[in-house]
Amino acid sequence: MKPAQPSIPLGQHLPAEPPSTATTFDQLKHLSQSELDDLFRRSPAGPIPEGDAQGEAIVCPGTFWARLIARFVHALAWQGKVFTKNPDGQGATLVNKITVAGAHAIVARVYHTPSWIDGRECIVLDYSKTSLFARKIRDEIRLIDAANRIYLGKVWWGKTRLVDFALKFPR
């Protein structure tokens, strides 16, 4: 059986549009920070997701350390997010899956609004009114692979960009 070809060839520039074939967490970790930023800028906000998403931290992208840090974070600190749409259809709430046990904690409001990166619409995960611990955190996500329900995220602490992450939702 022939292995599947990656949708984002490593070491090459990204296509003008977000990939239309499978994207993996490993492929994203191999991209440089500027390639991840370009992918985010080119991607649509997409619909507000729903369900239990597997998460992957993307720290030091494009380096040897990216995989090691992602494994450490996933094993000990953060495994993803669970999104629940609001009954009125306007926005959603989420809870993070954290700790070794995958406990559900740290709630955020979810809605569409302009991105701080480029002013285009994104989905914001807003902790400012729901969490004393994470009130300065703002995550922005955009849909980078609609077929596989993968979103790329940017984490902000106040107005400072921290790290990236990816979310994969079940079909």
N, C-alpha and C. Protein backbone atom coordinates (compact mmCIF):
# COMPACT_ATOMS: atom_id res chain seq x y z
N MET A 1 0.84 -1.18 0.00
CA MET A 1 0.00 0.00 0.00
C MET A 1 0.88 1.24 0.00
N LYS A 2 0.60 2.17 -0.86
CA LYS A 2 1.39 3.39 -0.99
C LYS A 2 0.99 4.39 0.09
N PRO A 3 1.98 4.98 0.82
CA PRO A 3 1.63 5.95 1.87
C PRO A 3 1.03 7.21 1.28
N ALA A 4 0.15 7.83 2.03
CA ALA A 4 -0.50 9.08 1.59
C ALA A 4 0.54 10.19 1.49
N GLN A 5 0.40 11.03 0.50
CA GLN A 5 1.29 12.17 0.32
C GLN A 5 0.86 13.28 1.27
N PRO A 6 1.81 13.99 1.87
CA PRO A 6 1.43 15.08 2.77
C PRO A 6 0.78 16.21 2.00
N SER A 7 -0.18 16.87 2.62
CA SER A 7 -0.86 17.99 1.96
C SER A 7 -0.03 19.26 2.04
N ILE A 8 0.92 19.33 2.98
CA ILE A 8 1.80 20.48 3.09
C ILE A 8 3.23 19.95 2.96
N PRO A 9 3.78 19.95 1.74
CA PRO A 9 5.13 19.41 1.57
C PRO A 9 6.13 20.16 2.44
N LEU A 10 6.91 19.40 3.17
CA LEU A 10 7.88 20.01 4.06
C LEU A 10 8.97 20.69 3.26
N GLY A 11 9.40 21.86 3.71
CA GLY A 11 10.46 22.59 3.03
C GLY A 11 10.01 23.35 1.81
N GLN A 12 8.73 23.31 1.49
CA GLN A 12 8.22 24.04 0.34
C GLN A 12 7.26 25.11 0.82
N HIS A 13 7.03 26.10 -0.05
CA HIS A 13 6.08 27.15 0.32
C HIS A 13 4.67 26.60 0.27
N LEU A 14 3.81 27.14 1.09
CA LEU A 14 2.43 26.70 1.13
C LEU A 14 1.68 27.19 -0.10
N PRO A 15 0.66 26.45 -0.51
CA PRO A 15 -0.15 26.90 -1.64
C PRO A 15 -0.91 28.17 -1.30
N ALA A 16 -1.47 28.81 -2.32
CA ALA A 16 -2.17 30.08 -2.12
C ALA A 16 -3.42 29.92 -1.25
N GLU A 17 -3.99 28.74 -1.24
CA GLU A 17 -5.19 28.47 -0.44
C GLU A 17 -4.85 27.43 0.64
N PRO A 18 -5.66 27.38 1.71
CA PRO A 18 -5.44 26.33 2.70
C PRO A 18 -5.51 24.96 2.04
N PRO A 19 -4.83 23.96 2.58
CA PRO A 19 -4.83 22.64 1.97
C PRO A 19 -6.22 22.05 1.93
N SER A 20 -6.52 21.30 0.86
CA SER A 20 -7.84 20.67 0.74
C SER A 20 -7.77 19.19 1.08
N THR A 21 -6.56 18.65 1.27
CA THR A 21 -6.43 17.26 1.67
C THR A 21 -5.99 17.21 3.12
N ALA A 22 -5.82 16.00 3.60
CA ALA A 22 -5.54 15.79 5.02
C ALA A 22 -4.35 16.60 5.52
N THR A 23 -4.54 17.23 6.64
CA THR A 23 -3.47 17.93 7.34
C THR A 23 -3.30 17.21 8.67
N THR A 24 -2.05 17.04 9.09
CA THR A 24 -1.81 16.38 10.36
C THR A 24 -1.12 17.33 11.32
N PHE A 25 -1.21 16.98 12.61
CA PHE A 25 -0.52 17.77 13.62
C PHE A 25 0.98 17.78 13.35
N ASP A 26 1.55 16.64 12.96
CA ASP A 26 2.99 16.59 12.68
C ASP A 26 3.38 17.53 11.54
N GLN A 27 2.56 17.60 10.50
CA GLN A 27 2.87 18.52 9.39
C GLN A 27 2.87 19.96 9.88
N LEU A 28 1.93 20.31 10.72
CA LEU A 28 1.87 21.68 11.24
C LEU A 28 3.09 22.01 12.09
N LYS A 29 3.52 21.07 12.91
CA LYS A 29 4.69 21.31 13.77
C LYS A 29 5.98 21.49 12.96
N HIS A 30 6.02 20.94 11.75
CA HIS A 30 7.20 21.08 10.90
C HIS A 30 7.25 22.42 10.16
N LEU A 31 6.14 23.14 10.12
CA LEU A 31 6.12 24.44 9.45
C LEU A 31 6.83 25.48 10.32
N SER A 32 7.36 26.50 9.69
CA SER A 32 7.96 27.61 10.44
C SER A 32 6.85 28.49 11.00
N GLN A 33 7.21 29.39 11.92
CA GLN A 33 6.22 30.30 12.48
C GLN A 33 5.61 31.17 11.38
N SER A 34 6.42 31.65 10.45
CA SER A 34 5.88 32.50 9.38
C SER A 34 4.96 31.70 8.46
N GLU A 35 5.24 30.40 8.24
CA GLU A 35 4.35 29.58 7.43
C GLU A 35 3.02 29.33 8.16
N LEU A 36 3.08 29.11 9.47
CA LEU A 36 1.84 28.96 10.24
C LEU A 36 1.03 30.25 10.21
N ASP A 37 1.70 31.38 10.36
CA ASP A 37 1.00 32.67 10.32
C ASP A 37 0.36 32.91 8.95
N ASP A 38 1.07 32.56 7.87
CA ASP A 38 0.51 32.70 6.52
C ASP A 38 -0.70 31.80 6.34
N LEU A 39 -0.61 30.56 6.83
CA LEU A 39 -1.74 29.63 6.73
C LEU A 39 -2.94 30.18 7.48
N PHE A 40 -2.73 30.72 8.67
CA PHE A 40 -3.81 31.32 9.45
C PHE A 40 -4.43 32.49 8.68
N ARG A 41 -3.60 33.36 8.13
CA ARG A 41 -4.11 34.54 7.40
C ARG A 41 -4.94 34.14 6.18
N ARG A 42 -4.57 33.07 5.51
CA ARG A 42 -5.27 32.65 4.29
C ARG A 42 -6.53 31.84 4.56
N SER A 43 -6.71 31.39 5.79
CA SER A 43 -7.82 30.48 6.10
C SER A 43 -9.06 31.24 6.53
N PRO A 44 -10.24 30.66 6.24
CA PRO A 44 -11.50 31.27 6.69
C PRO A 44 -11.73 30.99 8.17
N ALA A 45 -12.57 31.79 8.78
CA ALA A 45 -12.93 31.53 10.18
C ALA A 45 -13.61 30.17 10.30
N GLY A 46 -14.47 29.87 9.37
CA GLY A 46 -15.23 28.63 9.44
C GLY A 46 -16.35 28.73 10.45
N PRO A 47 -17.16 27.69 10.55
CA PRO A 47 -18.24 27.68 11.53
C PRO A 47 -17.69 27.45 12.94
N ILE A 48 -18.42 27.93 13.92
CA ILE A 48 -18.04 27.63 15.30
C ILE A 48 -18.18 26.13 15.49
N PRO A 49 -17.10 25.48 15.90
CA PRO A 49 -17.14 24.02 16.01
C PRO A 49 -17.94 23.55 17.21
N GLU A 50 -18.26 22.26 17.19
CA GLU A 50 -18.96 21.63 18.31
C GLU A 50 -18.37 20.26 18.53
N GLY A 51 -18.21 19.89 19.79
CA GLY A 51 -17.73 18.56 20.11
C GLY A 51 -16.42 18.57 20.86
N ASP A 52 -15.89 17.37 21.05
CA ASP A 52 -14.69 17.12 21.83
C ASP A 52 -13.49 17.07 20.88
N ALA A 53 -12.66 18.11 20.92
CA ALA A 53 -11.53 18.23 20.00
C ALA A 53 -10.24 17.75 20.64
N GLN A 54 -9.48 16.98 19.88
CA GLN A 54 -8.12 16.64 20.28
C GLN A 54 -7.27 17.86 20.01
N GLY A 55 -6.40 18.21 20.96
CA GLY A 55 -5.56 19.39 20.80
C GLY A 55 -4.08 19.06 20.76
N GLU A 56 -3.33 19.93 20.11
CA GLU A 56 -1.88 19.78 20.04
C GLU A 56 -1.25 21.15 20.14
N ALA A 57 -0.37 21.33 21.12
CA ALA A 57 0.37 22.59 21.25
C ALA A 57 1.44 22.64 20.16
N ILE A 58 1.62 23.83 19.59
CA ILE A 58 2.67 24.03 18.59
C ILE A 58 3.59 25.13 19.12
N VAL A 59 4.68 24.70 19.74
CA VAL A 59 5.65 25.58 20.37
C VAL A 59 6.98 25.37 19.65
N CYS A 60 7.70 26.44 19.34
CA CYS A 60 8.96 26.34 18.58
C CYS A 60 8.74 25.61 17.26
N PRO A 61 7.73 26.03 16.46
CA PRO A 61 7.42 25.29 15.22
C PRO A 61 8.62 25.27 14.27
N GLY A 62 8.69 24.16 13.54
CA GLY A 62 9.75 24.01 12.56
C GLY A 62 11.09 23.61 13.15
N THR A 63 11.13 23.33 14.45
CA THR A 63 12.40 22.96 15.09
C THR A 63 12.31 21.55 15.67
N PHE A 64 13.44 21.04 16.03
CA PHE A 64 13.53 19.75 16.70
C PHE A 64 12.67 19.72 17.96
N TRP A 65 12.58 20.84 18.66
CA TRP A 65 11.89 20.92 19.94
C TRP A 65 10.37 20.83 19.82
N ALA A 66 9.82 21.14 18.66
CA ALA A 66 8.36 21.19 18.50
C ALA A 66 7.68 19.88 18.91
N ARG A 67 8.19 18.74 18.44
CA ARG A 67 7.58 17.45 18.79
C ARG A 67 7.74 17.12 20.26
N LEU A 68 8.91 17.37 20.80
CA LEU A 68 9.15 17.06 22.22
C LEU A 68 8.25 17.88 23.13
N ILE A 69 8.17 19.17 22.86
CA ILE A 69 7.33 20.04 23.69
C ILE A 69 5.86 19.65 23.56
N ALA A 70 5.42 19.35 22.33
CA ALA A 70 4.02 18.96 22.13
C ALA A 70 3.68 17.69 22.92
N ARG A 71 4.57 16.72 22.92
CA ARG A 71 4.34 15.49 23.68
C ARG A 71 4.25 15.77 25.18
N PHE A 72 5.17 16.59 25.66
CA PHE A 72 5.19 16.94 27.08
C PHE A 72 3.90 17.66 27.47
N VAL A 73 3.52 18.66 26.70
CA VAL A 73 2.30 19.43 27.00
C VAL A 73 1.08 18.52 26.96
N HIS A 74 0.99 17.66 25.94
CA HIS A 74 -0.17 16.78 25.81
C HIS A 74 -0.25 15.78 26.97
N ALA A 75 0.88 15.25 27.37
CA ALA A 75 0.88 14.25 28.45
C ALA A 75 0.55 14.85 29.81
N LEU A 76 1.02 16.06 30.07
CA LEU A 76 0.91 16.61 31.42
C LEU A 76 0.00 17.81 31.61
N ALA A 77 -0.28 18.56 30.55
CA ALA A 77 -0.95 19.84 30.78
C ALA A 77 -2.25 20.05 30.02
N TRP A 78 -2.27 19.79 28.71
CA TRP A 78 -3.43 20.17 27.90
C TRP A 78 -3.64 19.18 26.78
N GLN A 79 -4.88 18.66 26.67
CA GLN A 79 -5.18 17.67 25.65
C GLN A 79 -6.18 18.14 24.59
N GLY A 80 -6.81 19.28 24.80
CA GLY A 80 -7.78 19.76 23.82
C GLY A 80 -8.88 20.58 24.47
N LYS A 81 -9.99 20.71 23.75
CA LYS A 81 -11.11 21.52 24.21
C LYS A 81 -12.43 20.84 23.84
N VAL A 82 -13.46 21.08 24.64
CA VAL A 82 -14.79 20.57 24.35
C VAL A 82 -15.70 21.77 24.13
N PHE A 83 -16.28 21.86 22.93
CA PHE A 83 -17.15 22.98 22.55
C PHE A 83 -18.61 22.57 22.62
N THR A 84 -19.44 23.45 23.18
CA THR A 84 -20.89 23.24 23.24
C THR A 84 -21.57 24.50 22.71
N LYS A 85 -22.34 24.33 21.63
CA LYS A 85 -23.04 25.48 21.05
C LYS A 85 -24.13 25.98 22.00
N ASN A 86 -24.34 27.29 22.00
CA ASN A 86 -25.39 27.89 22.82
C ASN A 86 -26.76 27.51 22.26
N PRO A 87 -27.76 27.34 23.12
CA PRO A 87 -29.10 26.96 22.65
C PRO A 87 -29.69 27.96 21.65
N ASP A 88 -29.34 29.25 21.78
CA ASP A 88 -29.89 30.25 20.86
C ASP A 88 -29.17 30.26 19.51
N GLY A 89 -28.14 29.42 19.35
CA GLY A 89 -27.40 29.36 18.09
C GLY A 89 -26.35 30.44 17.92
N GLN A 90 -26.27 31.35 18.87
CA GLN A 90 -25.31 32.45 18.81
C GLN A 90 -24.10 32.11 19.67
N GLY A 91 -23.03 31.66 19.04
CA GLY A 91 -21.82 31.38 19.78
C GLY A 91 -21.85 30.03 20.48
N ALA A 92 -20.90 29.87 21.40
CA ALA A 92 -20.75 28.62 22.13
C ALA A 92 -19.95 28.88 23.40
N THR A 93 -19.80 27.84 24.18
CA THR A 93 -18.86 27.86 25.30
C THR A 93 -17.93 26.68 25.12
N LEU A 94 -16.80 26.74 25.79
CA LEU A 94 -15.87 25.62 25.73
C LEU A 94 -15.28 25.40 27.10
N VAL A 95 -14.74 24.22 27.27
CA VAL A 95 -13.99 23.87 28.47
C VAL A 95 -12.73 23.15 27.99
N ASN A 96 -11.61 23.46 28.62
CA ASN A 96 -10.34 22.84 28.27
C ASN A 96 -10.18 21.50 28.96
N LYS A 97 -9.48 20.58 28.30
CA LYS A 97 -9.12 19.30 28.88
C LYS A 97 -7.67 19.44 29.35
N ILE A 98 -7.50 19.44 30.69
CA ILE A 98 -6.17 19.71 31.25
C ILE A 98 -5.75 18.63 32.24
N THR A 99 -4.52 18.66 32.61
CA THR A 99 -3.85 17.75 33.56
C THR A 99 -3.70 16.35 32.97
N VAL A 100 -2.96 15.52 33.67
CA VAL A 100 -2.74 14.14 33.24
C VAL A 100 -4.08 13.41 33.09
N ALA A 101 -5.04 13.73 33.93
CA ALA A 101 -6.34 13.06 33.92
C ALA A 101 -7.29 13.59 32.86
N GLY A 102 -6.93 14.68 32.16
CA GLY A 102 -7.83 15.26 31.17
C GLY A 102 -9.06 15.90 31.79
N ALA A 103 -8.90 16.45 32.99
CA ALA A 103 -10.02 17.10 33.69
C ALA A 103 -10.55 18.27 32.87
N HIS A 104 -11.84 18.50 32.96
CA HIS A 104 -12.47 19.62 32.26
C HIS A 104 -12.45 20.84 33.16
N ALA A 105 -11.77 21.89 32.70
CA ALA A 105 -11.64 23.11 33.50
C ALA A 105 -11.31 24.28 32.57
N ILE A 106 -11.45 25.47 33.08
CA ILE A 106 -11.13 26.73 32.38
C ILE A 106 -12.07 26.94 31.20
N VAL A 107 -13.16 27.62 31.47
CA VAL A 107 -14.24 27.87 30.52
C VAL A 107 -13.98 29.14 29.72
N ALA A 108 -14.46 29.16 28.47
CA ALA A 108 -14.36 30.36 27.62
C ALA A 108 -15.65 30.54 26.83
N ARG A 109 -15.92 31.79 26.49
CA ARG A 109 -17.00 32.12 25.55
C ARG A 109 -16.43 32.04 24.15
N VAL A 110 -17.24 31.63 23.18
CA VAL A 110 -16.79 31.42 21.80
C VAL A 110 -17.70 32.20 20.86
N TYR A 111 -17.09 33.02 19.98
CA TYR A 111 -17.87 33.81 19.03
C TYR A 111 -16.98 34.29 17.89
N HIS A 112 -17.62 34.74 16.80
CA HIS A 112 -16.90 35.32 15.67
C HIS A 112 -16.60 36.79 15.94
N THR A 113 -15.42 37.24 15.58
CA THR A 113 -15.02 38.65 15.70
C THR A 113 -13.75 38.86 14.88
N PRO A 114 -13.35 40.08 14.60
CA PRO A 114 -12.11 40.30 13.84
C PRO A 114 -10.86 39.82 14.60
N SER A 115 -9.94 39.27 13.84
CA SER A 115 -8.67 38.80 14.39
C SER A 115 -7.75 39.97 14.69
N TRP A 116 -6.96 39.84 15.74
CA TRP A 116 -5.94 40.84 16.05
C TRP A 116 -4.77 40.73 15.08
N ILE A 117 -4.66 39.62 14.38
CA ILE A 117 -3.55 39.43 13.45
C ILE A 117 -3.75 40.20 12.16
N ASP A 118 -4.96 40.10 11.58
CA ASP A 118 -5.16 40.72 10.26
C ASP A 118 -6.50 41.45 10.11
N GLY A 119 -7.30 41.51 11.16
CA GLY A 119 -8.58 42.22 11.08
C GLY A 119 -9.69 41.45 10.40
N ARG A 120 -9.39 40.28 9.82
CA ARG A 120 -10.41 39.44 9.20
C ARG A 120 -11.10 38.60 10.26
N GLU A 121 -12.30 38.13 9.95
CA GLU A 121 -13.07 37.35 10.90
C GLU A 121 -12.34 36.08 11.33
N CYS A 122 -12.43 35.79 12.61
CA CYS A 122 -11.92 34.55 13.18
C CYS A 122 -12.90 34.11 14.26
N ILE A 123 -12.64 32.98 14.86
CA ILE A 123 -13.41 32.53 16.01
C ILE A 123 -12.55 32.81 17.24
N VAL A 124 -13.10 33.56 18.18
CA VAL A 124 -12.36 33.90 19.39
C VAL A 124 -12.82 33.03 20.54
N LEU A 125 -11.85 32.57 21.32
CA LEU A 125 -12.10 31.82 22.55
C LEU A 125 -11.72 32.78 23.66
N ASP A 126 -12.73 33.37 24.27
CA ASP A 126 -12.56 34.51 25.17
C ASP A 126 -12.72 34.08 26.63
N TYR A 127 -11.64 34.17 27.37
CA TYR A 127 -11.62 33.77 28.78
C TYR A 127 -11.82 34.94 29.73
N SER A 128 -11.95 36.16 29.21
CA SER A 128 -11.91 37.37 30.04
C SER A 128 -13.03 37.46 31.07
N LYS A 129 -14.20 36.90 30.78
CA LYS A 129 -15.32 37.01 31.71
C LYS A 129 -15.70 35.66 32.34
N THR A 130 -14.93 34.62 32.03
CA THR A 130 -15.30 33.28 32.51
C THR A 130 -14.25 32.63 33.40
N SER A 131 -13.05 33.20 33.44
CA SER A 131 -11.98 32.55 34.19
C SER A 131 -11.07 33.57 34.86
N LEU A 132 -10.99 33.51 36.16
CA LEU A 132 -10.07 34.37 36.89
C LEU A 132 -8.63 33.99 36.53
N PHE A 133 -8.35 32.69 36.45
CA PHE A 133 -7.02 32.19 36.14
C PHE A 133 -6.55 32.59 34.75
N ALA A 134 -7.44 32.53 33.75
CA ALA A 134 -7.04 32.75 32.35
C ALA A 134 -7.66 34.01 31.75
N ARG A 135 -8.04 34.97 32.57
CA ARG A 135 -8.78 36.13 32.05
C ARG A 135 -8.02 36.96 31.03
N LYS A 136 -6.69 36.89 31.01
CA LYS A 136 -5.91 37.64 30.02
C LYS A 136 -5.65 36.85 28.74
N ILE A 137 -6.16 35.62 28.68
CA ILE A 137 -5.93 34.77 27.51
C ILE A 137 -7.04 35.00 26.48
N ARG A 138 -6.60 35.11 25.24
CA ARG A 138 -7.51 35.17 24.09
C ARG A 138 -6.93 34.23 23.04
N ASP A 139 -7.71 33.25 22.63
CA ASP A 139 -7.32 32.38 21.54
C ASP A 139 -8.10 32.78 20.30
N GLU A 140 -7.45 32.70 19.16
CA GLU A 140 -8.12 32.91 17.88
C GLU A 140 -7.91 31.65 17.05
N ILE A 141 -9.00 31.14 16.45
CA ILE A 141 -8.88 29.96 15.60
C ILE A 141 -9.50 30.21 14.23
N ARG A 142 -8.95 29.49 13.24
CA ARG A 142 -9.51 29.47 11.89
C ARG A 142 -9.44 28.05 11.35
N LEU A 143 -10.40 27.74 10.50
CA LEU A 143 -10.52 26.41 9.89
C LEU A 143 -9.49 26.25 8.78
N ILE A 144 -8.53 25.33 8.95
CA ILE A 144 -7.51 25.14 7.92
C ILE A 144 -7.72 23.88 7.09
N ASP A 145 -8.57 22.97 7.54
CA ASP A 145 -8.87 21.74 6.80
C ASP A 145 -10.31 21.36 7.10
N ALA A 146 -11.22 21.78 6.21
CA ALA A 146 -12.65 21.56 6.45
C ALA A 146 -13.00 20.07 6.41
N ALA A 147 -12.41 19.32 5.51
CA ALA A 147 -12.73 17.90 5.37
C ALA A 147 -12.41 17.13 6.65
N ASN A 148 -11.33 17.51 7.32
CA ASN A 148 -10.91 16.80 8.52
C ASN A 148 -11.18 17.58 9.80
N ARG A 149 -11.88 18.72 9.68
CA ARG A 149 -12.29 19.54 10.82
C ARG A 149 -11.10 19.93 11.70
N ILE A 150 -10.07 20.49 11.07
CA ILE A 150 -8.87 20.93 11.79
C ILE A 150 -8.82 22.45 11.79
N TYR A 151 -8.65 23.01 12.99
CA TYR A 151 -8.53 24.46 13.19
C TYR A 151 -7.12 24.76 13.69
N LEU A 152 -6.56 25.88 13.21
CA LEU A 152 -5.28 26.38 13.70
C LEU A 152 -5.56 27.53 14.64
N GLY A 153 -4.89 27.55 15.78
CA GLY A 153 -5.13 28.58 16.78
C GLY A 153 -3.89 29.37 17.15
N LYS A 154 -4.12 30.60 17.57
CA LYS A 154 -3.09 31.52 18.07
C LYS A 154 -3.48 31.92 19.48
N VAL A 155 -2.54 31.86 20.40
CA VAL A 155 -2.80 32.20 21.80
C VAL A 155 -2.19 33.57 22.10
N TRP A 156 -2.99 34.42 22.74
CA TRP A 156 -2.56 35.75 23.17
C TRP A 156 -2.62 35.84 24.69
N TRP A 157 -1.66 36.50 25.29
CA TRP A 157 -1.69 36.88 26.71
C TRP A 157 -1.71 38.40 26.68
N GLY A 158 -2.87 38.99 26.98
CA GLY A 158 -3.02 40.42 26.76
C GLY A 158 -2.87 40.68 25.27
N LYS A 159 -1.95 41.55 24.88
CA LYS A 159 -1.71 41.84 23.45
C LYS A 159 -0.44 41.15 22.94
N THR A 160 0.10 40.20 23.72
CA THR A 160 1.32 39.51 23.34
C THR A 160 1.00 38.11 22.83
N ARG A 161 1.48 37.79 21.62
CA ARG A 161 1.30 36.45 21.06
C ARG A 161 2.22 35.48 21.80
N LEU A 162 1.67 34.32 22.16
CA LEU A 162 2.46 33.32 22.88
C LEU A 162 2.83 32.13 22.01
N VAL A 163 1.86 31.28 21.71
CA VAL A 163 2.12 30.03 21.01
C VAL A 163 0.96 29.75 20.05
N ASP A 164 1.12 28.69 19.28
CA ASP A 164 0.07 28.22 18.38
C ASP A 164 -0.44 26.88 18.91
N PHE A 165 -1.58 26.46 18.38
CA PHE A 165 -2.12 25.14 18.70
C PHE A 165 -3.02 24.71 17.55
N ALA A 166 -3.35 23.43 17.53
CA ALA A 166 -4.27 22.92 16.53
C ALA A 166 -5.34 22.09 17.24
N LEU A 167 -6.52 22.10 16.67
CA LEU A 167 -7.65 21.31 17.20
C LEU A 167 -8.21 20.44 16.07
N LYS A 168 -8.46 19.18 16.36
CA LYS A 168 -9.09 18.27 15.41
C LYS A 168 -10.38 17.76 16.04
N PHE A 169 -11.48 18.02 15.35
CA PHE A 169 -12.81 17.61 15.83
C PHE A 169 -13.25 16.31 15.18
N PRO A 170 -14.02 15.50 15.90
CA PRO A 170 -14.54 14.27 15.28
C PRO A 170 -15.51 14.62 14.16
N ARG A 171 -15.64 13.71 13.25
CA ARG A 171 -16.57 13.94 12.12
C ARG A 171 -17.98 13.60 12.50
